[in-house]
C-alpha atoms as a PDB file:
ATOM      1  CA  MET A   1     114.601  73.567-114.441  1.00  0.00           C
ATOM      2  CA  LYS A   2     112.967  72.396-111.197  1.00  0.00           C
ATOM      3  CA  SER A   3     110.963  75.626-111.098  1.00  0.00           C
ATOM      4  CA  ASP A   4     109.758  74.997-114.668  1.00  0.00           C
ATOM      5  CA  ARG A   5     108.601  71.512-113.707  1.00  0.00           C
ATOM      6  CA  ARG A   6     106.772  72.912-110.693  1.00  0.00           C
ATOM      7  CA  VAL A   7     104.999  75.495-112.860  1.00  0.00           C
ATOM      8  CA  GLN A   8     103.989  72.810-115.361  1.00  0.00           C
ATOM      9  CA  ARG A   9     102.781  70.521-112.575  1.00  0.00           C
ATOM     10  CA  THR A  10     100.611  73.273-111.050  1.00  0.00           C
ATOM     11  CA  ARG A  11      99.100  74.120-114.432  1.00  0.00           C
ATOM     12  CA  GLU A  12      98.367  70.451-115.097  1.00  0.00           C
ATOM     13  CA  LEU A  13      96.665  70.038-111.704  1.00  0.00           C
ATOM     14  CA  LEU A  14      94.436  73.053-112.374  1.00  0.00           C
ATOM     15  CA  GLN A  15      93.608  71.851-115.895  1.00  0.00           C
ATOM     16  CA  LYS A  16      92.781  68.371-114.622  1.00  0.00           C
ATOM     17  CA  ALA A  17      90.561  69.836-111.896  1.00  0.00           C
ATOM     18  CA  LEU A  18      88.601  71.953-114.367  1.00  0.00           C
ATOM     19  CA  ILE A  19      88.110  69.071-116.795  1.00  0.00           C
ATOM     20  CA  GLU A  20      86.852  66.840-113.971  1.00  0.00           C
ATOM     21  CA  LEU A  21      84.454  69.525-112.764  1.00  0.00           C
ATOM     22  CA  MET A  22      83.089  70.059-116.286  1.00  0.00           C
ATOM     23  CA  GLN A  23      82.196  66.382-116.433  1.00  0.00           C
ATOM     24  CA  GLU A  24      80.116  66.831-113.295  1.00  0.00           C
ATOM     25  CA  GLN A  25      78.422  70.202-113.847  1.00  0.00           C
ATOM     26  CA  GLU A  26      77.944  73.017-116.332  1.00  0.00           C
ATOM     27  CA  TYR A  27      80.976  75.168-116.994  1.00  0.00           C
ATOM     28  CA  ASP A  28      79.161  78.402-116.172  1.00  0.00           C
ATOM     29  CA  GLY A  29      78.488  77.185-112.625  1.00  0.00           C
ATOM     30  CA  ILE A  30      82.107  76.354-111.827  1.00  0.00           C
ATOM     31  CA  THR A  31      84.014  78.919-109.753  1.00  0.00           C
ATOM     32  CA  VAL A  32      87.718  79.505-109.257  1.00  0.00           C
ATOM     33  CA  GLN A  33      87.243  78.334-105.680  1.00  0.00           C
ATOM     34  CA  ASP A  34      85.767  75.047-106.933  1.00  0.00           C
ATOM     35  CA  ILE A  35      88.815  74.570-109.141  1.00  0.00           C
ATOM     36  CA  VAL A  36      91.438  75.299-106.482  1.00  0.00           C
ATOM     37  CA  ASP A  37      89.599  73.113-103.976  1.00  0.00           C
ATOM     38  CA  ARG A  38      89.590  70.211-106.429  1.00  0.00           C
ATOM     39  CA  ALA A  39      93.254  70.751-107.330  1.00  0.00           C
ATOM     40  CA  ASN A  40      94.209  71.274-103.663  1.00  0.00           C
ATOM     41  CA  ILE A  41      96.005  74.481-104.616  1.00  0.00           C
ATOM     42  CA  GLY A  42      95.648  77.949-103.120  1.00  0.00           C
ATOM     43  CA  ARG A  43      93.862  80.789-104.912  1.00  0.00           C
ATOM     44  CA  THR A  44      97.103  82.781-104.950  1.00  0.00           C
ATOM     45  CA  ALA A  45      98.785  79.982-106.888  1.00  0.00           C
ATOM     46  CA  PHE A  46      95.872  79.932-109.340  1.00  0.00           C
ATOM     47  CA  TYR A  47      96.265  83.640-110.091  1.00  0.00           C
ATOM     48  CA  LEU A  48     100.015  83.249-110.579  1.00  0.00           C
ATOM     49  CA  HIS A  49      99.211  81.073-113.594  1.00  0.00           C
ATOM     50  CA  PHE A  50      95.835  82.281-114.893  1.00  0.00           C
ATOM     51  CA  ASN A  51      93.900  85.536-114.750  1.00  0.00           C
ATOM     52  CA  ASN A  52      90.512  83.825-114.658  1.00  0.00           C
ATOM     53  CA  LYS A  53      88.596  80.623-115.302  1.00  0.00           C
ATOM     54  CA  ASP A  54      88.248  81.277-119.031  1.00  0.00           C
ATOM     55  CA  GLU A  55      92.011  81.567-119.440  1.00  0.00           C
ATOM     56  CA  LEU A  56      92.422  78.209-117.690  1.00  0.00           C
ATOM     57  CA  PHE A  57      89.731  76.765-119.949  1.00  0.00           C
ATOM     58  CA  ILE A  58      91.581  77.944-123.046  1.00  0.00           C
ATOM     59  CA  SER A  59      94.840  76.453-121.785  1.00  0.00           C
ATOM     60  CA  CYS A  60      93.055  73.130-121.182  1.00  0.00           C
ATOM     61  CA  HIS A  61      91.548  72.988-124.595  1.00  0.00           C
ATOM     62  CA  GLU A  62      94.256  74.385-126.822  1.00  0.00           C
ATOM     63  CA  ALA A  63      95.828  70.933-126.799  1.00  0.00           C
ATOM     64  CA  ILE A  64      92.481  69.210-127.349  1.00  0.00           C
ATOM     65  CA  VAL A  65      91.493  71.563-130.140  1.00  0.00           C
ATOM     66  CA  GLY A  66      94.928  71.188-131.686  1.00  0.00           C
ATOM     67  CA  GLU A  67      94.296  67.465-131.935  1.00  0.00           C
ATOM     68  CA  PHE A  68      91.191  68.045-134.043  1.00  0.00           C
ATOM     69  CA  HIS A  69      93.522  68.638-136.965  1.00  0.00           C
ATOM     70  CA  PHE A  70      91.311  71.000-138.935  1.00  0.00           C
ATOM     71  CA  GLY A  71      94.330  73.247-139.303  1.00  0.00           C
ATOM     72  CA  PRO A  72      97.433  71.011-139.098  1.00  0.00           C
ATOM     73  CA  PHE A  73      96.243  68.759-141.933  1.00  0.00           C
ATOM     74  CA  TYR A  74      96.320  71.768-144.231  1.00  0.00           C
ATOM     75  CA  PRO A  75      97.460  72.912-146.647  1.00  0.00           C
ATOM     76  CA  HIS A  76      95.552  70.772-149.135  1.00  0.00           C
ATOM     77  CA  SER A  77      96.478  70.855-152.767  1.00  0.00           C
ATOM     78  CA  ARG A  78      94.221  72.263-155.472  1.00  0.00           C
ATOM     79  CA  GLU A  79      93.425  68.703-156.524  1.00  0.00           C
ATOM     80  CA  GLU A  80      92.392  67.736-152.964  1.00  0.00           C
ATOM     81  CA  LEU A  81      90.222  70.828-152.549  1.00  0.00           C
ATOM     82  CA  LEU A  82      88.398  70.104-155.803  1.00  0.00           C
ATOM     83  CA  SER A  83      88.365  66.317-155.479  1.00  0.00           C
ATOM     84  CA  SER A  84      85.072  64.426-155.360  1.00  0.00           C
ATOM     85  CA  THR A  85      86.193  62.730-152.130  1.00  0.00           C
ATOM     86  CA  ALA A  86      87.126  64.317-148.808  1.00  0.00           C
ATOM     87  CA  PRO A  87      90.864  64.488-147.972  1.00  0.00           C
ATOM     88  CA  GLN A  88      91.944  61.829-145.479  1.00  0.00           C
ATOM     89  CA  GLY A  89      92.970  64.504-142.960  1.00  0.00           C
ATOM     90  CA  MET A  90      89.435  65.865-142.873  1.00  0.00           C
ATOM     91  CA  ILE A  91      88.021  62.396-142.241  1.00  0.00           C
ATOM     92  CA  LEU A  92      90.507  61.844-139.407  1.00  0.00           C
ATOM     93  CA  ALA A  93      89.503  65.184-137.861  1.00  0.00           C
ATOM     94  CA  PHE A  94      85.851  64.187-137.692  1.00  0.00           C
ATOM     95  CA  GLN A  95      86.783  60.752-136.328  1.00  0.00           C
ATOM     96  CA  HIS A  96      88.793  62.423-133.584  1.00  0.00           C
ATOM     97  CA  LEU A  97      85.867  64.702-132.754  1.00  0.00           C
ATOM     98  CA  GLU A  98      83.573  61.727-132.362  1.00  0.00           C
ATOM     99  CA  GLY A  99      86.069  60.122-129.991  1.00  0.00           C
ATOM    100  CA  ALA A 100      86.226  63.341-127.937  1.00  0.00           C
ATOM    101  CA  ARG A 101      82.431  63.715-127.768  1.00  0.00           C
ATOM    102  CA  ALA A 102      82.220  62.757-124.077  1.00  0.00           C
ATOM    103  CA  LEU A 103      84.620  65.559-123.116  1.00  0.00           C
ATOM    104  CA  LEU A 104      83.181  68.088-125.530  1.00  0.00           C
ATOM    105  CA  SER A 105      79.511  67.578-124.612  1.00  0.00           C
ATOM    106  CA  PRO A 106      79.686  69.338-121.214  1.00  0.00           C
ATOM    107  CA  ILE A 107      81.740  72.108-122.810  1.00  0.00           C
ATOM    108  CA  PHE A 108      79.122  72.752-125.462  1.00  0.00           C
ATOM    109  CA  GLN A 109      76.407  73.021-122.797  1.00  0.00           C
ATOM    110  CA  GLY A 110      77.912  76.145-121.240  1.00  0.00           C
ATOM    111  CA  LYS A 111      77.071  79.498-122.816  1.00  0.00           C
ATOM    112  CA  ASP A 112      80.456  81.119-122.158  1.00  0.00           C
ATOM    113  CA  SER A 113      82.536  78.023-122.812  1.00  0.00           C
ATOM    114  CA  LEU A 114      80.795  77.441-126.115  1.00  0.00           C
ATOM    115  CA  LEU A 115      81.707  80.919-127.314  1.00  0.00           C
ATOM    116  CA  ILE A 116      85.329  80.399-126.320  1.00  0.00           C
ATOM    117  CA  LEU A 117      85.597  76.990-127.926  1.00  0.00           C
ATOM    118  CA  ARG A 118      83.876  78.079-131.108  1.00  0.00           C
ATOM    119  CA  ARG A 119      86.170  81.086-131.389  1.00  0.00           C
ATOM    120  CA  MET A 120      89.258  78.926-130.920  1.00  0.00           C
ATOM    121  CA  LEU A 121      88.125  76.287-133.386  1.00  0.00           C
ATOM    122  CA  ARG A 122      86.956  78.842-135.924  1.00  0.00           C
ATOM    123  CA  ASP A 123      90.214  80.780-135.802  1.00  0.00           C
ATOM    124  CA  TRP A 124      92.384  77.671-136.121  1.00  0.00           C
ATOM    125  CA  SER A 125      90.217  76.263-138.868  1.00  0.00           C
ATOM    126  CA  ALA A 126      90.135  79.553-140.798  1.00  0.00           C
ATOM    127  CA  GLN A 127      93.934  79.779-140.676  1.00  0.00           C
ATOM    128  CA  GLY A 128      94.237  76.272-142.084  1.00  0.00           C
ATOM    129  CA  ILE A 129      91.693  76.846-144.830  1.00  0.00           C
ATOM    130  CA  GLU A 130      93.315  80.136-145.819  1.00  0.00           C
ATOM    131  CA  ALA A 131      96.716  78.398-145.968  1.00  0.00           C
ATOM    132  CA  SER A 132      95.225  75.839-148.347  1.00  0.00           C
ATOM    133  CA  LEU A 133      93.690  78.500-150.549  1.00  0.00           C
ATOM    134  CA  ARG A 134      96.956  80.439-150.757  1.00  0.00           C
ATOM    135  CA  SER A 135      98.854  77.246-151.554  1.00  0.00           C
ATOM    136  CA  ALA A 136      96.433  76.102-154.243  1.00  0.00           C
ATOM    137  CA  PHE A 137      95.359  79.357-155.888  1.00  0.00           C
ATOM    138  CA  THR A 138      96.422  82.950-156.337  1.00  0.00           C
ATOM    139  CA  GLU A 139      94.204  85.530-154.666  1.00  0.00           C
ATOM    140  CA  MET A 140      93.745  87.319-157.990  1.00  0.00           C
ATOM    141  CA  GLU A 141      91.892  84.232-159.264  1.00  0.00           C
ATOM    142  CA  SER A 142      89.189  84.593-156.607  1.00  0.00           C
ATOM    143  CA  VAL A 143      86.202  86.936-156.710  1.00  0.00           C
ATOM    144  CA  ILE A 144      86.103  86.714-152.885  1.00  0.00           C
ATOM    145  CA  PRO A 145      89.100  87.682-150.679  1.00  0.00           C
ATOM    146  CA  PHE A 146      90.797  84.655-149.137  1.00  0.00           C
ATOM    147  CA  ASP A 147      90.247  85.791-145.549  1.00  0.00           C
ATOM    148  CA  VAL A 148      86.506  86.208-146.172  1.00  0.00           C
ATOM    149  CA  LEU A 149      86.172  82.819-147.861  1.00  0.00           C
ATOM    150  CA  ALA A 150      88.273  81.062-145.211  1.00  0.00           C
ATOM    151  CA  ASN A 151      86.271  82.509-142.305  1.00  0.00           C
ATOM    152  CA  TYR A 152      82.990  81.712-144.025  1.00  0.00           C
ATOM    153  CA  LEU A 153      84.024  78.083-144.521  1.00  0.00           C
ATOM    154  CA  ALA A 154      85.439  77.807-140.992  1.00  0.00           C
ATOM    155  CA  GLY A 155      82.226  79.193-139.476  1.00  0.00           C
ATOM    156  CA  ALA A 156      80.165  76.688-141.462  1.00  0.00           C
ATOM    157  CA  GLN A 157      82.448  73.875-140.347  1.00  0.00           C
ATOM    158  CA  ILE A 158      82.218  74.770-136.654  1.00  0.00           C
ATOM    159  CA  SER A 159      78.434  75.157-136.794  1.00  0.00           C
ATOM    160  CA  LEU A 160      78.140  71.752-138.438  1.00  0.00           C
ATOM    161  CA  VAL A 161      80.398  70.145-135.827  1.00  0.00           C
ATOM    162  CA  GLN A 162      78.507  71.783-132.964  1.00  0.00           C
ATOM    163  CA  TRP A 163      75.161  70.581-134.313  1.00  0.00           C
ATOM    164  CA  TRP A 164      76.515  67.068-134.877  1.00  0.00           C
ATOM    165  CA  LEU A 165      77.997  66.748-131.379  1.00  0.00           C
ATOM    166  CA  GLU A 166      75.185  68.452-129.469  1.00  0.00           C
ATOM    167  CA  LYS A 167      72.264  66.716-131.158  1.00  0.00           C
ATOM    168  CA  ARG A 168      74.027  63.341-131.445  1.00  0.00           C
ATOM    169  CA  GLN A 169      73.151  63.105-135.112  1.00  0.00           C
ATOM    170  CA  PRO A 170      73.452  59.606-136.601  1.00  0.00           C
ATOM    171  CA  TYR A 171      75.913  60.560-139.355  1.00  0.00           C
ATOM    172  CA  THR A 172      79.290  58.853-139.225  1.00  0.00           C
ATOM    173  CA  PRO A 173      82.468  60.947-139.192  1.00  0.00           C
ATOM    174  CA  GLU A 174      83.140  59.709-142.712  1.00  0.00           C
ATOM    175  CA  ASN A 175      79.667  60.797-143.910  1.00  0.00           C
ATOM    176  CA  LEU A 176      79.999  64.199-142.279  1.00  0.00           C
ATOM    177  CA  ALA A 177      83.494  64.810-143.640  1.00  0.00           C
ATOM    178  CA  GLN A 178      82.314  63.935-147.133  1.00  0.00           C
ATOM    179  CA  MET A 179      79.247  66.194-146.898  1.00  0.00           C
ATOM    180  CA  PHE A 180      81.255  69.123-145.549  1.00  0.00           C
ATOM    181  CA  HIS A 181      83.868  68.615-148.245  1.00  0.00           C
ATOM    182  CA  ARG A 182      81.199  68.778-150.948  1.00  0.00           C
ATOM    183  CA  LEU A 183      79.787  71.996-149.481  1.00  0.00           C
ATOM    184  CA  GLN A 184      83.264  73.503-149.161  1.00  0.00           C
ATOM    185  CA  ARG A 185      84.146  72.464-152.708  1.00  0.00           C
ATOM    186  CA  ALA A 186      80.990  74.120-154.047  1.00  0.00           C
ATOM    187  CA  ALA A 187      81.899  77.412-152.322  1.00  0.00           C
ATOM    188  CA  ILE A 188      85.480  77.238-153.620  1.00  0.00           C
ATOM    189  CA  ARG A 189      84.308  76.513-157.150  1.00  0.00           C
ATOM    190  CA  ASP A 190      81.996  79.504-157.006  1.00  0.00           C
ATOM    191  CA  ALA A 191      84.658  81.812-155.563  1.00  0.00           C
ATOM    192  CA  PHE A 192      87.097  80.869-158.310  1.00  0.00           C
ATOM    193  CA  GLU A 193      84.403  80.542-160.975  1.00  0.00           C
ATOM    194  CA  ILE A 194      85.449  76.977-161.738  1.00  0.00           C
ATOM    195  CA  ARG A 195      83.119  74.869-163.860  1.00  0.00           C
ATOM    196  CA  ARG A 196      83.057  71.110-163.421  1.00  0.00           C
ATOM    197  CA  ASP A 197      84.455  70.502-166.877  1.00  0.00           C
ATOM    198  CA  SER A 198      87.432  72.788-166.219  1.00  0.00           C
ATOM    199  CA  GLU A 199      88.752  71.042-163.102  1.00  0.00           C
END
């Protein structure tokens, strides 16, 4: 038990050090030595917990990304997916992203970190969207396989979020959630060949 607490404490110190460093400089310029110096931990201890900086980055941001709730707020019902208004969970996700902008901005500036974060977000989002589709429809109803549709929608969502956070666009989280929902709904309608009057 004490050993488990020590492991957790070391991981937390390294995560905290990396997050602090990312607020001061670009991710790509941060080295493992910078991290262990900031955490006051030896390099050997670092490599007992993580293979490299990217692995530490992922461990830092799994919790943050998990809080974005693109996935956990799924599955949505058929009615929610086809509704004229965005589901409340989607609105909350965009509100959370706006609140996390200060932490996410330095992450988005790094070439490597951006690829990692986008992959994580896209994968989590695609899983949530696919869960919603499977809950609301049968795959035989769709002219597009669920995994294709889910990854298409997730990629669009992540690109929209990246653009919104990086360029500091003036749209509110509520506006953005509603616009994305309308775009997603249009794609779902097309995939399932649903006309407005048949909803």
